[in-house]
Amino acid sequence: MAPILLMLLIGSLLIALVVTFQTKYIDPTLLEVAKYNLYTFPFMFVANTMLFIAFTKGQAIFGSLAVVVGMQIAIYMLAIALFGYFILAQQPSWNTLIGISLLVSAVFFLNRG
């Protein structure tokens, strides 16, 4: 179970980091975004490969794909909020914090069912 959680964590963190850096440093023009996507392709490939393996193996372990995807979404949203705070200097709103707590509690309830 630990390797599955580690792959979910690393894959989600990589994707969140790529998106956060794109927001901070890349101008929203076609050429700049295309170049950034080419540069970050290896990171996104590794992240998506890890998530695919985690989804496949996690579904077999937990017995539900919804549980595994719920965990990944909760990790990703928490990472986006943290990177937004530390890298983009954005304060998370109460709605964001409530949403993340709802996601975490949903994973808990999905895992019990």
N, C-alpha and C. Protein backbone atom coordinates (compact mmCIF):
# COMPACT_ATOMS: atom_id res chain seq x y z
N MET A 1 0.82 -1.19 0.00
CA MET A 1 0.00 0.00 0.00
C MET A 1 0.87 1.26 0.00
N ALA A 2 2.01 1.21 0.70
CA ALA A 2 2.88 2.38 0.76
C ALA A 2 3.40 2.79 -0.62
N PRO A 3 3.81 1.84 -1.50
CA PRO A 3 4.26 2.28 -2.83
C PRO A 3 3.15 2.97 -3.63
N ILE A 4 1.92 2.52 -3.45
CA ILE A 4 0.80 3.15 -4.16
C ILE A 4 0.63 4.59 -3.70
N LEU A 5 0.64 4.79 -2.39
CA LEU A 5 0.50 6.15 -1.85
C LEU A 5 1.66 7.04 -2.26
N LEU A 6 2.86 6.47 -2.30
CA LEU A 6 4.05 7.24 -2.71
C LEU A 6 3.94 7.66 -4.18
N MET A 7 3.47 6.74 -5.03
CA MET A 7 3.30 7.10 -6.45
C MET A 7 2.21 8.15 -6.63
N LEU A 8 1.13 8.04 -5.87
CA LEU A 8 0.09 9.08 -5.92
C LEU A 8 0.65 10.42 -5.48
N LEU A 9 1.44 10.42 -4.41
CA LEU A 9 2.02 11.65 -3.88
C LEU A 9 2.99 12.28 -4.88
N ILE A 10 3.94 11.50 -5.38
CA ILE A 10 4.95 12.05 -6.29
C ILE A 10 4.31 12.52 -7.59
N GLY A 11 3.42 11.71 -8.16
CA GLY A 11 2.77 12.09 -9.41
C GLY A 11 1.95 13.37 -9.26
N SER A 12 1.19 13.46 -8.18
CA SER A 12 0.36 14.65 -7.95
C SER A 12 1.22 15.88 -7.69
N LEU A 13 2.29 15.73 -6.91
CA LEU A 13 3.18 16.86 -6.63
C LEU A 13 3.87 17.36 -7.89
N LEU A 14 4.32 16.44 -8.75
CA LEU A 14 4.97 16.86 -9.99
C LEU A 14 4.02 17.66 -10.88
N ILE A 15 2.80 17.17 -11.04
CA ILE A 15 1.84 17.88 -11.89
C ILE A 15 1.50 19.24 -11.28
N ALA A 16 1.29 19.29 -9.98
CA ALA A 16 0.97 20.56 -9.32
C ALA A 16 2.13 21.55 -9.44
N LEU A 17 3.34 21.07 -9.34
CA LEU A 17 4.51 21.95 -9.45
C LEU A 17 4.65 22.51 -10.87
N VAL A 18 4.45 21.66 -11.87
CA VAL A 18 4.53 22.12 -13.26
C VAL A 18 3.46 23.18 -13.53
N VAL A 19 2.25 22.96 -13.06
CA VAL A 19 1.16 23.93 -13.27
C VAL A 19 1.45 25.24 -12.53
N THR A 20 1.96 25.14 -11.31
CA THR A 20 2.25 26.34 -10.54
C THR A 20 3.35 27.17 -11.19
N PHE A 21 4.43 26.52 -11.64
CA PHE A 21 5.50 27.26 -12.30
C PHE A 21 5.03 27.86 -13.62
N GLN A 22 4.14 27.16 -14.32
CA GLN A 22 3.61 27.72 -15.56
C GLN A 22 2.83 29.00 -15.27
N THR A 23 2.05 28.97 -14.21
CA THR A 23 1.26 30.15 -13.83
C THR A 23 2.16 31.32 -13.46
N LYS A 24 3.26 31.02 -12.77
CA LYS A 24 4.13 32.10 -12.29
C LYS A 24 5.05 32.66 -13.38
N TYR A 25 5.62 31.79 -14.22
CA TYR A 25 6.71 32.23 -15.09
C TYR A 25 6.41 32.28 -16.59
N ILE A 26 5.34 31.69 -17.04
CA ILE A 26 5.11 31.58 -18.48
C ILE A 26 4.00 32.53 -18.92
N ASP A 27 4.30 33.33 -19.93
CA ASP A 27 3.29 34.22 -20.51
C ASP A 27 2.25 33.36 -21.24
N PRO A 28 0.98 33.73 -21.16
CA PRO A 28 -0.06 32.92 -21.80
C PRO A 28 -0.17 33.16 -23.30
N THR A 29 0.93 32.92 -24.00
CA THR A 29 0.93 32.98 -25.46
C THR A 29 1.19 31.57 -25.99
N LEU A 30 0.74 31.31 -27.18
CA LEU A 30 0.83 29.96 -27.74
C LEU A 30 2.27 29.46 -27.79
N LEU A 31 3.18 30.28 -28.25
CA LEU A 31 4.57 29.85 -28.39
C LEU A 31 5.21 29.57 -27.03
N GLU A 32 5.00 30.45 -26.08
CA GLU A 32 5.59 30.25 -24.74
C GLU A 32 5.03 29.01 -24.05
N VAL A 33 3.73 28.81 -24.15
CA VAL A 33 3.11 27.64 -23.52
C VAL A 33 3.55 26.36 -24.22
N ALA A 34 3.66 26.40 -25.54
CA ALA A 34 4.12 25.22 -26.28
C ALA A 34 5.55 24.86 -25.89
N LYS A 35 6.43 25.85 -25.81
CA LYS A 35 7.81 25.59 -25.39
C LYS A 35 7.86 25.02 -23.98
N TYR A 36 7.08 25.60 -23.08
CA TYR A 36 7.05 25.11 -21.68
C TYR A 36 6.57 23.67 -21.62
N ASN A 37 5.54 23.35 -22.42
CA ASN A 37 5.06 21.97 -22.43
C ASN A 37 6.10 21.01 -22.99
N LEU A 38 6.87 21.43 -23.94
CA LEU A 38 7.95 20.57 -24.44
C LEU A 38 9.03 20.37 -23.38
N TYR A 39 9.36 21.43 -22.67
CA TYR A 39 10.38 21.32 -21.62
C TYR A 39 9.92 20.43 -20.47
N THR A 40 8.65 20.51 -20.14
CA THR A 40 8.14 19.77 -18.98
C THR A 40 7.59 18.40 -19.35
N PHE A 41 7.65 18.04 -20.62
CA PHE A 41 7.11 16.74 -21.05
C PHE A 41 7.69 15.56 -20.26
N PRO A 42 9.01 15.49 -20.03
CA PRO A 42 9.52 14.34 -19.26
C PRO A 42 8.93 14.25 -17.84
N PHE A 43 8.75 15.39 -17.19
CA PHE A 43 8.18 15.38 -15.84
C PHE A 43 6.72 14.94 -15.87
N MET A 44 5.97 15.43 -16.84
CA MET A 44 4.56 15.05 -16.94
C MET A 44 4.41 13.58 -17.33
N PHE A 45 5.33 13.09 -18.16
CA PHE A 45 5.29 11.68 -18.54
C PHE A 45 5.53 10.79 -17.32
N VAL A 46 6.54 11.13 -16.53
CA VAL A 46 6.82 10.36 -15.31
C VAL A 46 5.65 10.45 -14.34
N ALA A 47 5.11 11.64 -14.15
CA ALA A 47 4.00 11.82 -13.22
C ALA A 47 2.78 11.01 -13.65
N ASN A 48 2.42 11.08 -14.91
CA ASN A 48 1.25 10.35 -15.40
C ASN A 48 1.47 8.85 -15.40
N THR A 49 2.69 8.40 -15.65
CA THR A 49 2.99 6.98 -15.57
C THR A 49 2.84 6.49 -14.13
N MET A 50 3.35 7.26 -13.18
CA MET A 50 3.20 6.88 -11.77
C MET A 50 1.73 6.85 -11.36
N LEU A 51 0.96 7.83 -11.80
CA LEU A 51 -0.46 7.85 -11.46
C LEU A 51 -1.21 6.68 -12.09
N PHE A 52 -0.87 6.34 -13.33
CA PHE A 52 -1.52 5.20 -13.98
C PHE A 52 -1.25 3.91 -13.22
N ILE A 53 0.01 3.70 -12.83
CA ILE A 53 0.35 2.49 -12.07
C ILE A 53 -0.37 2.50 -10.72
N ALA A 54 -0.38 3.65 -10.06
CA ALA A 54 -1.05 3.76 -8.76
C ALA A 54 -2.54 3.51 -8.89
N PHE A 55 -3.17 4.04 -9.93
CA PHE A 55 -4.61 3.81 -10.12
C PHE A 55 -4.89 2.33 -10.36
N THR A 56 -4.09 1.70 -11.21
CA THR A 56 -4.32 0.31 -11.55
C THR A 56 -4.10 -0.61 -10.36
N LYS A 57 -2.96 -0.47 -9.72
CA LYS A 57 -2.64 -1.33 -8.57
C LYS A 57 -3.47 -0.95 -7.35
N GLY A 58 -3.74 0.32 -7.17
CA GLY A 58 -4.54 0.77 -6.03
C GLY A 58 -5.97 0.27 -6.10
N GLN A 59 -6.52 0.22 -7.32
CA GLN A 59 -7.87 -0.29 -7.48
C GLN A 59 -7.93 -1.75 -7.06
N ALA A 60 -6.89 -2.51 -7.36
CA ALA A 60 -6.86 -3.92 -6.96
C ALA A 60 -6.73 -4.06 -5.44
N ILE A 61 -5.96 -3.18 -4.82
CA ILE A 61 -5.75 -3.26 -3.38
C ILE A 61 -6.96 -2.75 -2.60
N PHE A 62 -7.46 -1.57 -2.97
CA PHE A 62 -8.57 -0.96 -2.24
C PHE A 62 -9.93 -1.47 -2.69
N GLY A 63 -9.98 -2.09 -3.86
CA GLY A 63 -11.23 -2.61 -4.36
C GLY A 63 -12.15 -1.58 -4.97
N SER A 64 -11.67 -0.36 -5.10
CA SER A 64 -12.49 0.71 -5.66
C SER A 64 -11.59 1.76 -6.30
N LEU A 65 -11.85 2.04 -7.56
CA LEU A 65 -11.10 3.09 -8.23
C LEU A 65 -11.45 4.46 -7.67
N ALA A 66 -12.69 4.62 -7.20
CA ALA A 66 -13.11 5.91 -6.63
C ALA A 66 -12.27 6.29 -5.43
N VAL A 67 -11.88 5.33 -4.62
CA VAL A 67 -11.05 5.62 -3.45
C VAL A 67 -9.69 6.14 -3.88
N VAL A 68 -9.09 5.47 -4.85
CA VAL A 68 -7.74 5.84 -5.30
C VAL A 68 -7.76 7.20 -5.98
N VAL A 69 -8.73 7.43 -6.85
CA VAL A 69 -8.83 8.72 -7.53
C VAL A 69 -9.15 9.82 -6.53
N GLY A 70 -9.99 9.52 -5.56
CA GLY A 70 -10.29 10.50 -4.51
C GLY A 70 -9.05 10.90 -3.73
N MET A 71 -8.20 9.92 -3.42
CA MET A 71 -6.95 10.23 -2.73
C MET A 71 -6.06 11.11 -3.59
N GLN A 72 -5.97 10.79 -4.88
CA GLN A 72 -5.13 11.57 -5.78
C GLN A 72 -5.63 12.99 -5.90
N ILE A 73 -6.93 13.17 -6.02
CA ILE A 73 -7.50 14.52 -6.14
C ILE A 73 -7.26 15.31 -4.86
N ALA A 74 -7.42 14.68 -3.71
CA ALA A 74 -7.18 15.38 -2.44
C ALA A 74 -5.72 15.80 -2.32
N ILE A 75 -4.80 14.90 -2.70
CA ILE A 75 -3.37 15.24 -2.66
C ILE A 75 -3.07 16.39 -3.61
N TYR A 76 -3.61 16.31 -4.82
CA TYR A 76 -3.36 17.34 -5.83
C TYR A 76 -3.89 18.71 -5.39
N MET A 77 -5.10 18.75 -4.88
CA MET A 77 -5.69 20.02 -4.45
C MET A 77 -4.92 20.62 -3.27
N LEU A 78 -4.50 19.78 -2.35
CA LEU A 78 -3.69 20.26 -1.23
C LEU A 78 -2.36 20.80 -1.73
N ALA A 79 -1.74 20.09 -2.68
CA ALA A 79 -0.46 20.56 -3.24
C ALA A 79 -0.63 21.88 -3.97
N ILE A 80 -1.70 22.02 -4.75
CA ILE A 80 -1.96 23.28 -5.45
C ILE A 80 -2.12 24.43 -4.46
N ALA A 81 -2.86 24.18 -3.38
CA ALA A 81 -3.06 25.22 -2.36
C ALA A 81 -1.73 25.59 -1.69
N LEU A 82 -0.92 24.59 -1.36
CA LEU A 82 0.38 24.85 -0.71
C LEU A 82 1.35 25.56 -1.66
N PHE A 83 1.43 25.09 -2.90
CA PHE A 83 2.32 25.75 -3.86
C PHE A 83 1.84 27.16 -4.17
N GLY A 84 0.53 27.34 -4.24
CA GLY A 84 -0.01 28.69 -4.44
C GLY A 84 0.38 29.62 -3.31
N TYR A 85 0.37 29.09 -2.10
CA TYR A 85 0.74 29.91 -0.94
C TYR A 85 2.23 30.22 -0.93
N PHE A 86 3.07 29.20 -1.12
CA PHE A 86 4.51 29.39 -1.00
C PHE A 86 5.17 29.96 -2.25
N ILE A 87 4.71 29.60 -3.44
CA ILE A 87 5.36 30.04 -4.67
C ILE A 87 4.69 31.28 -5.25
N LEU A 88 3.35 31.30 -5.24
CA LEU A 88 2.63 32.43 -5.83
C LEU A 88 2.21 33.48 -4.82
N ALA A 89 2.45 33.23 -3.53
CA ALA A 89 2.09 34.14 -2.44
C ALA A 89 0.59 34.43 -2.43
N GLN A 90 -0.22 33.40 -2.66
CA GLN A 90 -1.67 33.53 -2.63
C GLN A 90 -2.20 32.95 -1.33
N GLN A 91 -3.07 33.69 -0.69
CA GLN A 91 -3.71 33.19 0.53
C GLN A 91 -4.87 32.28 0.14
N PRO A 92 -4.92 31.05 0.66
CA PRO A 92 -6.09 30.22 0.36
C PRO A 92 -7.34 30.76 1.05
N SER A 93 -8.44 30.76 0.34
CA SER A 93 -9.69 31.26 0.91
C SER A 93 -10.31 30.17 1.80
N TRP A 94 -11.32 30.58 2.55
CA TRP A 94 -12.04 29.60 3.37
C TRP A 94 -12.70 28.56 2.50
N ASN A 95 -13.19 28.97 1.34
CA ASN A 95 -13.80 28.01 0.41
C ASN A 95 -12.81 26.95 -0.01
N THR A 96 -11.57 27.35 -0.26
CA THR A 96 -10.53 26.39 -0.64
C THR A 96 -10.27 25.41 0.49
N LEU A 97 -10.12 25.92 1.70
CA LEU A 97 -9.84 25.06 2.84
C LEU A 97 -11.01 24.12 3.13
N ILE A 98 -12.22 24.62 3.01
CA ILE A 98 -13.39 23.77 3.22
C ILE A 98 -13.46 22.70 2.13
N GLY A 99 -13.19 23.08 0.90
CA GLY A 99 -13.20 22.12 -0.21
C GLY A 99 -12.18 21.01 -0.02
N ILE A 100 -10.98 21.36 0.40
CA ILE A 100 -9.95 20.35 0.63
C ILE A 100 -10.35 19.43 1.77
N SER A 101 -10.91 19.99 2.83
CA SER A 101 -11.34 19.15 3.95
C SER A 101 -12.48 18.23 3.53
N LEU A 102 -13.37 18.69 2.65
CA LEU A 102 -14.43 17.84 2.15
C LEU A 102 -13.87 16.70 1.29
N LEU A 103 -12.85 17.00 0.50
CA LEU A 103 -12.22 15.95 -0.30
C LEU A 103 -11.57 14.89 0.59
N VAL A 104 -10.86 15.33 1.61
CA VAL A 104 -10.21 14.38 2.52
C VAL A 104 -11.25 13.54 3.24
N SER A 105 -12.32 14.16 3.70
CA SER A 105 -13.36 13.38 4.38
C SER A 105 -14.08 12.44 3.41
N ALA A 106 -14.24 12.84 2.15
CA ALA A 106 -14.85 11.96 1.15
C ALA A 106 -14.01 10.71 0.94
N VAL A 107 -12.69 10.87 0.89
CA VAL A 107 -11.81 9.70 0.75
C VAL A 107 -11.98 8.77 1.95
N PHE A 108 -12.10 9.35 3.13
CA PHE A 108 -12.31 8.54 4.33
C PHE A 108 -13.60 7.74 4.22
N PHE A 109 -14.69 8.40 3.81
CA PHE A 109 -15.98 7.71 3.71
C PHE A 109 -16.00 6.70 2.56
N LEU A 110 -15.34 7.01 1.46
CA LEU A 110 -15.26 6.06 0.35
C LEU A 110 -14.50 4.80 0.78
N ASN A 111 -13.47 4.99 1.57
CA ASN A 111 -12.64 3.86 1.99
C ASN A 111 -13.39 2.96 2.97
N ARG A 112 -14.33 3.51 3.72
CA ARG A 112 -15.10 2.73 4.68
C ARG A 112 -16.18 1.90 4.01
N GLY A 113 -16.65 2.37 2.86
CA GLY A 113 -17.76 1.70 2.18
C GLY A 113 -17.30 0.60 1.36
